[in-house]
Amino acid sequence: MPQKGGMPEWGEDLVKKLDAFLYEKPTRNVMETIDSFFEQAKVPKQIPVDVAETEQEWIVRVDLPGLKKEQIQLRIVGNQITVMVDHLEETKQYDESYHYYHKERRQHRNQRTITLPYAVDKRTAKASFQNGVLEIRGPKTEKDNGSITID
């Protein structure tokens, strides 16, 4: 069996046919969709957070660009604040030359838990969201050393 460049002739023919199938119309979109999937997988794994304090209060800033307030939830338990985001992204594409219409939805969910050295009081903590930055503030309370007295 004759070979070119180390691959059998039938193998080269198979590769050519596979390339034609994947990259020529109408299945050309298959590879574009696969490429798009892997490109979009490059989202940060962790939500960026800054934690600061003044003499009177603690401040947590969370970068959430491109989100709306309605897509964000906060949960407070003890000295922990959990930020949860749920973002539905929808893309539409129509190509008249190939007579296809493509509509895709992606659900992005992420969360981050921040542990503070102070107990968080739900009644006095305040949260605001402006220009893609969530800011949560609250008054400092006594630090909990985690110990209890034995009777």
N, C-alpha and C. Protein backbone atom coordinates (compact mmCIF):
# COMPACT_ATOMS: atom_id res chain seq x y z
N MET A 1 0.84 -1.17 0.00
CA MET A 1 0.00 0.00 0.00
C MET A 1 0.90 1.24 0.00
N PRO A 2 0.77 2.15 -0.98
CA PRO A 2 1.62 3.34 -1.04
C PRO A 2 1.31 4.30 0.11
N GLN A 3 2.37 4.95 0.61
CA GLN A 3 2.20 5.90 1.71
C GLN A 3 2.80 7.23 1.33
N LYS A 4 2.18 8.30 1.81
CA LYS A 4 2.69 9.66 1.62
C LYS A 4 2.88 10.26 3.01
N GLY A 5 4.07 10.70 3.31
CA GLY A 5 4.31 11.36 4.59
C GLY A 5 4.01 10.51 5.80
N GLY A 6 4.15 9.19 5.70
CA GLY A 6 3.96 8.33 6.85
C GLY A 6 2.52 7.88 7.07
N MET A 7 1.56 8.37 6.29
CA MET A 7 0.17 7.96 6.47
C MET A 7 -0.27 7.17 5.24
N PRO A 8 -0.98 6.07 5.45
CA PRO A 8 -1.47 5.31 4.30
C PRO A 8 -2.38 6.19 3.43
N GLU A 9 -2.41 5.87 2.14
CA GLU A 9 -3.21 6.66 1.20
C GLU A 9 -4.68 6.69 1.62
N TRP A 10 -5.20 5.55 2.08
CA TRP A 10 -6.60 5.52 2.50
C TRP A 10 -6.82 6.43 3.71
N GLY A 11 -5.80 6.59 4.56
CA GLY A 11 -5.90 7.46 5.74
C GLY A 11 -5.97 8.92 5.34
N GLU A 12 -5.14 9.30 4.35
CA GLU A 12 -5.19 10.68 3.86
C GLU A 12 -6.54 10.98 3.24
N ASP A 13 -7.08 10.02 2.51
CA ASP A 13 -8.38 10.20 1.89
C ASP A 13 -9.46 10.36 2.97
N LEU A 14 -9.36 9.57 4.02
CA LEU A 14 -10.32 9.66 5.12
C LEU A 14 -10.24 11.03 5.80
N VAL A 15 -9.03 11.52 6.04
CA VAL A 15 -8.84 12.83 6.67
C VAL A 15 -9.43 13.93 5.79
N LYS A 16 -9.21 13.86 4.48
CA LYS A 16 -9.77 14.86 3.56
C LYS A 16 -11.29 14.85 3.60
N LYS A 17 -11.87 13.66 3.61
CA LYS A 17 -13.33 13.56 3.65
C LYS A 17 -13.88 14.08 4.99
N LEU A 18 -13.19 13.77 6.06
CA LEU A 18 -13.63 14.25 7.37
C LEU A 18 -13.53 15.78 7.44
N ASP A 19 -12.43 16.34 6.95
CA ASP A 19 -12.30 17.80 6.90
C ASP A 19 -13.42 18.43 6.09
N ALA A 20 -13.69 17.85 4.93
CA ALA A 20 -14.76 18.39 4.08
C ALA A 20 -16.10 18.32 4.80
N PHE A 21 -16.34 17.23 5.51
CA PHE A 21 -17.61 17.07 6.23
C PHE A 21 -17.75 18.12 7.33
N LEU A 22 -16.68 18.34 8.10
CA LEU A 22 -16.76 19.23 9.26
C LEU A 22 -16.66 20.71 8.92
N TYR A 23 -15.94 21.05 7.85
CA TYR A 23 -15.66 22.46 7.60
C TYR A 23 -16.40 23.05 6.40
N GLU A 24 -17.09 22.24 5.62
CA GLU A 24 -17.84 22.78 4.49
C GLU A 24 -19.32 22.79 4.81
N LYS A 25 -20.05 23.65 4.11
CA LYS A 25 -21.48 23.77 4.41
C LYS A 25 -22.20 22.48 4.14
N PRO A 26 -23.28 22.13 4.76
CA PRO A 26 -23.95 22.87 5.83
C PRO A 26 -23.41 22.54 7.23
N THR A 27 -22.47 21.60 7.36
CA THR A 27 -22.01 21.20 8.70
C THR A 27 -20.86 22.05 9.20
N ARG A 28 -20.48 23.08 8.49
CA ARG A 28 -19.39 23.94 8.93
C ARG A 28 -19.67 24.51 10.32
N ASN A 29 -20.93 24.70 10.62
CA ASN A 29 -21.31 25.24 11.93
C ASN A 29 -20.93 24.32 13.07
N VAL A 30 -20.81 23.03 12.82
CA VAL A 30 -20.45 22.09 13.87
C VAL A 30 -19.13 22.51 14.51
N MET A 31 -18.13 22.77 13.71
CA MET A 31 -16.82 23.15 14.25
C MET A 31 -16.87 24.53 14.88
N GLU A 32 -17.63 25.46 14.29
CA GLU A 32 -17.75 26.80 14.88
C GLU A 32 -18.41 26.71 16.25
N THR A 33 -19.41 25.86 16.38
CA THR A 33 -20.10 25.69 17.66
C THR A 33 -19.17 25.07 18.69
N ILE A 34 -18.40 24.08 18.29
CA ILE A 34 -17.45 23.45 19.21
C ILE A 34 -16.39 24.46 19.64
N ASP A 35 -15.85 25.22 18.68
CA ASP A 35 -14.86 26.25 19.02
C ASP A 35 -15.45 27.27 19.99
N SER A 36 -16.68 27.70 19.73
CA SER A 36 -17.34 28.67 20.58
C SER A 36 -17.51 28.13 22.00
N PHE A 37 -17.87 26.86 22.11
CA PHE A 37 -18.05 26.24 23.42
C PHE A 37 -16.76 26.33 24.23
N PHE A 38 -15.63 25.97 23.63
CA PHE A 38 -14.38 25.98 24.36
C PHE A 38 -13.89 27.39 24.65
N GLU A 39 -14.18 28.34 23.77
CA GLU A 39 -13.82 29.73 24.03
C GLU A 39 -14.56 30.25 25.26
N GLN A 40 -15.83 29.91 25.36
CA GLN A 40 -16.64 30.43 26.46
C GLN A 40 -16.35 29.71 27.76
N ALA A 41 -15.66 28.61 27.72
CA ALA A 41 -15.29 27.90 28.94
C ALA A 41 -14.18 28.62 29.69
N LYS A 42 -13.62 29.67 29.10
CA LYS A 42 -12.51 30.39 29.70
C LYS A 42 -12.99 31.50 30.63
N VAL A 43 -14.05 31.25 31.38
CA VAL A 43 -14.55 32.24 32.33
C VAL A 43 -13.82 32.04 33.66
N PRO A 44 -13.66 33.12 34.41
CA PRO A 44 -12.97 32.96 35.68
C PRO A 44 -13.72 32.00 36.60
N LYS A 45 -12.97 31.19 37.32
CA LYS A 45 -13.58 30.20 38.19
C LYS A 45 -14.07 30.82 39.49
N GLN A 46 -13.46 31.91 39.91
CA GLN A 46 -13.83 32.50 41.18
C GLN A 46 -14.22 33.96 40.97
N ILE A 47 -15.27 34.38 41.66
CA ILE A 47 -15.73 35.76 41.59
C ILE A 47 -14.73 36.63 42.36
N PRO A 48 -14.23 37.72 41.73
CA PRO A 48 -13.25 38.58 42.41
C PRO A 48 -13.89 39.38 43.55
N VAL A 49 -13.22 39.39 44.70
CA VAL A 49 -13.75 40.03 45.91
C VAL A 49 -12.66 40.84 46.59
N ASP A 50 -13.03 42.00 47.14
CA ASP A 50 -12.16 42.80 48.00
C ASP A 50 -12.85 42.93 49.35
N VAL A 51 -12.10 42.74 50.43
CA VAL A 51 -12.64 42.90 51.78
C VAL A 51 -11.80 43.96 52.48
N ALA A 52 -12.47 44.95 53.07
CA ALA A 52 -11.77 46.03 53.77
C ALA A 52 -12.53 46.35 55.05
N GLU A 53 -11.92 47.20 55.87
CA GLU A 53 -12.61 47.64 57.08
C GLU A 53 -12.17 49.04 57.45
N THR A 54 -13.07 49.75 58.10
CA THR A 54 -12.75 51.03 58.72
C THR A 54 -12.85 50.79 60.22
N GLU A 55 -12.76 51.85 61.01
CA GLU A 55 -12.87 51.66 62.46
C GLU A 55 -14.27 51.21 62.86
N GLN A 56 -15.28 51.62 62.08
CA GLN A 56 -16.66 51.32 62.45
C GLN A 56 -17.29 50.16 61.68
N GLU A 57 -16.82 49.87 60.48
CA GLU A 57 -17.53 48.88 59.66
C GLU A 57 -16.60 48.02 58.81
N TRP A 58 -17.13 46.91 58.33
CA TRP A 58 -16.47 46.06 57.35
C TRP A 58 -17.12 46.34 56.00
N ILE A 59 -16.35 46.15 54.92
CA ILE A 59 -16.84 46.44 53.56
C ILE A 59 -16.40 45.30 52.65
N VAL A 60 -17.33 44.77 51.89
CA VAL A 60 -17.02 43.74 50.90
C VAL A 60 -17.43 44.29 49.53
N ARG A 61 -16.49 44.27 48.57
CA ARG A 61 -16.79 44.69 47.20
C ARG A 61 -16.59 43.49 46.28
N VAL A 62 -17.58 43.26 45.43
CA VAL A 62 -17.58 42.11 44.53
C VAL A 62 -17.75 42.60 43.11
N ASP A 63 -16.80 42.27 42.23
CA ASP A 63 -16.89 42.67 40.82
C ASP A 63 -17.80 41.71 40.07
N LEU A 64 -18.89 42.24 39.51
CA LEU A 64 -19.85 41.44 38.75
C LEU A 64 -20.25 42.18 37.48
N PRO A 65 -19.29 42.43 36.59
CA PRO A 65 -19.59 43.21 35.38
C PRO A 65 -20.58 42.48 34.47
N GLY A 66 -21.46 43.26 33.85
CA GLY A 66 -22.40 42.71 32.89
C GLY A 66 -23.64 42.09 33.51
N LEU A 67 -23.73 42.08 34.83
CA LEU A 67 -24.90 41.49 35.48
C LEU A 67 -25.88 42.56 35.91
N LYS A 68 -27.12 42.13 36.14
CA LYS A 68 -28.16 43.00 36.67
C LYS A 68 -28.40 42.60 38.12
N LYS A 69 -28.93 43.54 38.87
CA LYS A 69 -29.21 43.31 40.30
C LYS A 69 -30.07 42.07 40.52
N GLU A 70 -31.01 41.83 39.60
CA GLU A 70 -31.93 40.71 39.73
C GLU A 70 -31.24 39.35 39.59
N GLN A 71 -30.02 39.34 39.08
CA GLN A 71 -29.29 38.09 38.86
C GLN A 71 -28.38 37.73 40.04
N ILE A 72 -28.45 38.52 41.10
CA ILE A 72 -27.56 38.34 42.25
C ILE A 72 -28.38 38.03 43.50
N GLN A 73 -27.91 37.07 44.28
CA GLN A 73 -28.54 36.74 45.57
C GLN A 73 -27.46 36.75 46.64
N LEU A 74 -27.85 37.15 47.84
CA LEU A 74 -26.95 37.13 48.98
C LEU A 74 -27.54 36.24 50.07
N ARG A 75 -26.65 35.50 50.72
CA ARG A 75 -27.06 34.68 51.86
C ARG A 75 -26.07 34.97 52.99
N ILE A 76 -26.59 35.23 54.16
CA ILE A 76 -25.74 35.54 55.32
C ILE A 76 -26.00 34.50 56.40
N VAL A 77 -24.92 33.85 56.84
CA VAL A 77 -25.00 32.88 57.94
C VAL A 77 -23.78 33.12 58.83
N GLY A 78 -24.03 33.52 60.08
CA GLY A 78 -22.93 33.75 61.01
C GLY A 78 -22.02 34.87 60.52
N ASN A 79 -20.76 34.53 60.31
CA ASN A 79 -19.81 35.53 59.82
C ASN A 79 -19.48 35.31 58.34
N GLN A 80 -20.36 34.62 57.63
CA GLN A 80 -20.12 34.34 56.21
C GLN A 80 -21.19 34.97 55.32
N ILE A 81 -20.73 35.54 54.23
CA ILE A 81 -21.62 36.09 53.21
C ILE A 81 -21.40 35.28 51.94
N THR A 82 -22.46 34.74 51.38
CA THR A 82 -22.36 34.00 50.12
C THR A 82 -23.04 34.82 49.03
N VAL A 83 -22.28 35.07 47.96
CA VAL A 83 -22.79 35.79 46.80
C VAL A 83 -23.04 34.75 45.72
N MET A 84 -24.28 34.71 45.22
CA MET A 84 -24.64 33.75 44.17
C MET A 84 -25.11 34.52 42.94
N VAL A 85 -24.60 34.14 41.77
CA VAL A 85 -25.03 34.80 40.53
C VAL A 85 -25.59 33.76 39.58
N ASP A 86 -26.60 34.17 38.85
CA ASP A 86 -27.27 33.31 37.88
C ASP A 86 -27.50 34.16 36.64
N HIS A 87 -26.78 33.86 35.57
CA HIS A 87 -26.80 34.69 34.38
C HIS A 87 -27.16 33.85 33.16
N LEU A 88 -28.25 34.22 32.49
CA LEU A 88 -28.65 33.55 31.26
C LEU A 88 -28.22 34.41 30.09
N GLU A 89 -27.39 33.85 29.23
CA GLU A 89 -26.89 34.58 28.06
C GLU A 89 -27.50 33.95 26.82
N GLU A 90 -28.02 34.80 25.94
CA GLU A 90 -28.68 34.29 24.74
C GLU A 90 -28.03 34.93 23.52
N THR A 91 -27.68 34.10 22.53
CA THR A 91 -27.12 34.61 21.28
C THR A 91 -27.97 34.10 20.12
N LYS A 92 -28.11 34.96 19.12
CA LYS A 92 -28.87 34.58 17.92
C LYS A 92 -27.99 34.87 16.71
N GLN A 93 -28.13 34.03 15.71
CA GLN A 93 -27.31 34.19 14.50
C GLN A 93 -28.11 33.66 13.32
N TYR A 94 -28.13 34.42 12.25
CA TYR A 94 -28.81 33.96 11.04
C TYR A 94 -27.88 34.20 9.87
N ASP A 95 -27.69 33.19 9.05
CA ASP A 95 -26.84 33.31 7.87
C ASP A 95 -27.67 32.92 6.66
N GLU A 96 -28.02 33.92 5.86
CA GLU A 96 -28.88 33.69 4.71
C GLU A 96 -28.21 32.82 3.66
N SER A 97 -26.89 32.93 3.52
CA SER A 97 -26.20 32.16 2.47
C SER A 97 -26.24 30.65 2.74
N TYR A 98 -26.33 30.26 4.02
CA TYR A 98 -26.39 28.84 4.34
C TYR A 98 -27.78 28.39 4.78
N HIS A 99 -28.71 29.32 4.85
CA HIS A 99 -30.10 29.04 5.22
C HIS A 99 -30.21 28.34 6.58
N TYR A 100 -29.54 28.88 7.53
CA TYR A 100 -29.68 28.33 8.88
C TYR A 100 -29.91 29.47 9.86
N TYR A 101 -30.56 29.12 10.92
CA TYR A 101 -30.80 30.05 12.02
C TYR A 101 -30.30 29.37 13.28
N HIS A 102 -29.51 30.07 14.03
CA HIS A 102 -28.87 29.49 15.21
C HIS A 102 -29.25 30.34 16.42
N LYS A 103 -29.80 29.72 17.44
CA LYS A 103 -30.13 30.41 18.67
C LYS A 103 -29.59 29.56 19.82
N GLU A 104 -28.85 30.19 20.70
CA GLU A 104 -28.21 29.44 21.77
C GLU A 104 -28.38 30.15 23.09
N ARG A 105 -28.54 29.38 24.16
CA ARG A 105 -28.64 29.92 25.50
C ARG A 105 -27.59 29.25 26.39
N ARG A 106 -26.99 30.07 27.23
CA ARG A 106 -26.00 29.54 28.17
C ARG A 106 -26.37 30.02 29.56
N GLN A 107 -26.37 29.11 30.49
CA GLN A 107 -26.66 29.42 31.89
C GLN A 107 -25.33 29.45 32.64
N HIS A 108 -25.01 30.60 33.22
CA HIS A 108 -23.79 30.74 34.00
C HIS A 108 -24.19 30.88 35.46
N ARG A 109 -23.73 29.96 36.28
CA ARG A 109 -24.00 30.03 37.72
C ARG A 109 -22.66 29.99 38.44
N ASN A 110 -22.56 30.84 39.45
CA ASN A 110 -21.33 30.87 40.21
C ASN A 110 -21.66 31.38 41.61
N GLN A 111 -20.80 31.08 42.55
CA GLN A 111 -20.99 31.61 43.89
C GLN A 111 -19.65 31.74 44.59
N ARG A 112 -19.62 32.62 45.57
CA ARG A 112 -18.41 32.85 46.34
C ARG A 112 -18.82 33.13 47.78
N THR A 113 -18.17 32.47 48.71
CA THR A 113 -18.43 32.69 50.13
C THR A 113 -17.26 33.44 50.74
N ILE A 114 -17.57 34.52 51.43
CA ILE A 114 -16.56 35.36 52.07
C ILE A 114 -16.73 35.21 53.58
N THR A 115 -15.64 34.87 54.26
CA THR A 115 -15.67 34.74 55.71
C THR A 115 -15.07 36.00 56.32
N LEU A 116 -15.83 36.64 57.19
CA LEU A 116 -15.38 37.86 57.85
C LEU A 116 -14.96 37.55 59.28
N PRO A 117 -14.10 38.38 59.87
CA PRO A 117 -13.71 38.16 61.27
C PRO A 117 -14.79 38.64 62.25
N TYR A 118 -15.90 39.15 61.71
CA TYR A 118 -16.99 39.68 62.53
C TYR A 118 -18.28 38.96 62.18
N ALA A 119 -19.17 38.83 63.16
CA ALA A 119 -20.51 38.30 62.86
C ALA A 119 -21.24 39.33 62.01
N VAL A 120 -22.03 38.85 61.08
CA VAL A 120 -22.77 39.73 60.19
C VAL A 120 -24.23 39.76 60.65
N ASP A 121 -24.71 40.95 60.95
CA ASP A 121 -26.10 41.12 61.37
C ASP A 121 -26.94 41.47 60.14
N LYS A 122 -27.86 40.60 59.77
CA LYS A 122 -28.70 40.81 58.58
C LYS A 122 -29.52 42.09 58.68
N ARG A 123 -29.86 42.48 59.91
CA ARG A 123 -30.70 43.67 60.08
C ARG A 123 -29.95 44.96 59.83
N THR A 124 -28.64 44.97 60.05
CA THR A 124 -27.89 46.22 59.89
C THR A 124 -26.99 46.22 58.66
N ALA A 125 -26.78 45.08 58.05
CA ALA A 125 -25.95 45.02 56.83
C ALA A 125 -26.71 45.65 55.67
N LYS A 126 -26.01 46.35 54.81
CA LYS A 126 -26.61 47.01 53.64
C LYS A 126 -25.86 46.58 52.39
N ALA A 127 -26.60 46.41 51.30
CA ALA A 127 -25.98 46.03 50.02
C ALA A 127 -26.46 46.99 48.93
N SER A 128 -25.54 47.35 48.03
CA SER A 128 -25.90 48.17 46.87
C SER A 128 -25.16 47.63 45.66
N PHE A 129 -25.70 47.92 44.48
CA PHE A 129 -25.10 47.43 43.23
C PHE A 129 -25.10 48.56 42.21
N GLN A 130 -23.90 49.00 41.83
CA GLN A 130 -23.75 50.08 40.85
C GLN A 130 -22.56 49.81 39.96
N ASN A 131 -22.75 50.04 38.67
CA ASN A 131 -21.67 49.92 37.68
C ASN A 131 -20.93 48.59 37.77
N GLY A 132 -21.66 47.51 37.98
CA GLY A 132 -21.06 46.18 38.00
C GLY A 132 -20.34 45.81 39.28
N VAL A 133 -20.47 46.64 40.32
CA VAL A 133 -19.81 46.36 41.60
C VAL A 133 -20.87 46.24 42.70
N LEU A 134 -20.89 45.09 43.35
CA LEU A 134 -21.76 44.86 44.51
C LEU A 134 -20.97 45.26 45.75
N GLU A 135 -21.57 46.12 46.57
CA GLU A 135 -20.91 46.54 47.80
C GLU A 135 -21.81 46.17 48.97
N ILE A 136 -21.24 45.46 49.93
CA ILE A 136 -21.96 45.04 51.13
C ILE A 136 -21.22 45.64 52.32
N ARG A 137 -21.96 46.31 53.20
CA ARG A 137 -21.35 46.97 54.36
C ARG A 137 -22.12 46.60 55.62
N GLY A 138 -21.41 46.63 56.72
CA GLY A 138 -22.08 46.40 57.99
C GLY A 138 -21.21 46.85 59.14
N PRO A 139 -21.84 47.16 60.28
CA PRO A 139 -21.07 47.58 61.44
C PRO A 139 -20.28 46.42 62.03
N LYS A 140 -19.14 46.75 62.56
CA LYS A 140 -18.33 45.73 63.23
C LYS A 140 -19.02 45.29 64.51
N THR A 141 -18.92 44.02 64.80
CA THR A 141 -19.42 43.47 66.06
C THR A 141 -18.23 42.88 66.79
N GLU A 142 -18.45 42.41 67.98
CA GLU A 142 -17.36 41.77 68.72
C GLU A 142 -16.87 40.55 67.96
N LYS A 143 -15.56 40.40 67.90
CA LYS A 143 -15.00 39.21 67.26
C LYS A 143 -15.33 37.99 68.12
N ASP A 144 -15.73 36.94 67.46
CA ASP A 144 -16.08 35.70 68.16
C ASP A 144 -14.82 34.83 68.20
N ASN A 145 -14.35 34.52 69.41
CA ASN A 145 -13.14 33.70 69.50
C ASN A 145 -13.44 32.21 69.40
N GLY A 146 -14.72 31.86 69.29
CA GLY A 146 -15.09 30.47 69.06
C GLY A 146 -15.11 29.60 70.31
N SER A 147 -14.84 30.18 71.47
CA SER A 147 -14.81 29.36 72.69
C SER A 147 -16.09 29.57 73.50
N ILE A 148 -16.40 28.59 74.32
CA ILE A 148 -17.54 28.70 75.24
C ILE A 148 -17.07 28.33 76.64
N THR A 149 -17.79 28.83 77.64
CA THR A 149 -17.44 28.49 79.02
C THR A 149 -18.10 27.19 79.43
N ILE A 150 -17.41 26.47 80.26
CA ILE A 150 -17.90 25.18 80.73
C ILE A 150 -18.50 25.37 82.12
N ASP A 151 -19.73 24.90 82.31
CA ASP A 151 -20.39 25.00 83.62
C ASP A 151 -19.93 23.89 84.54
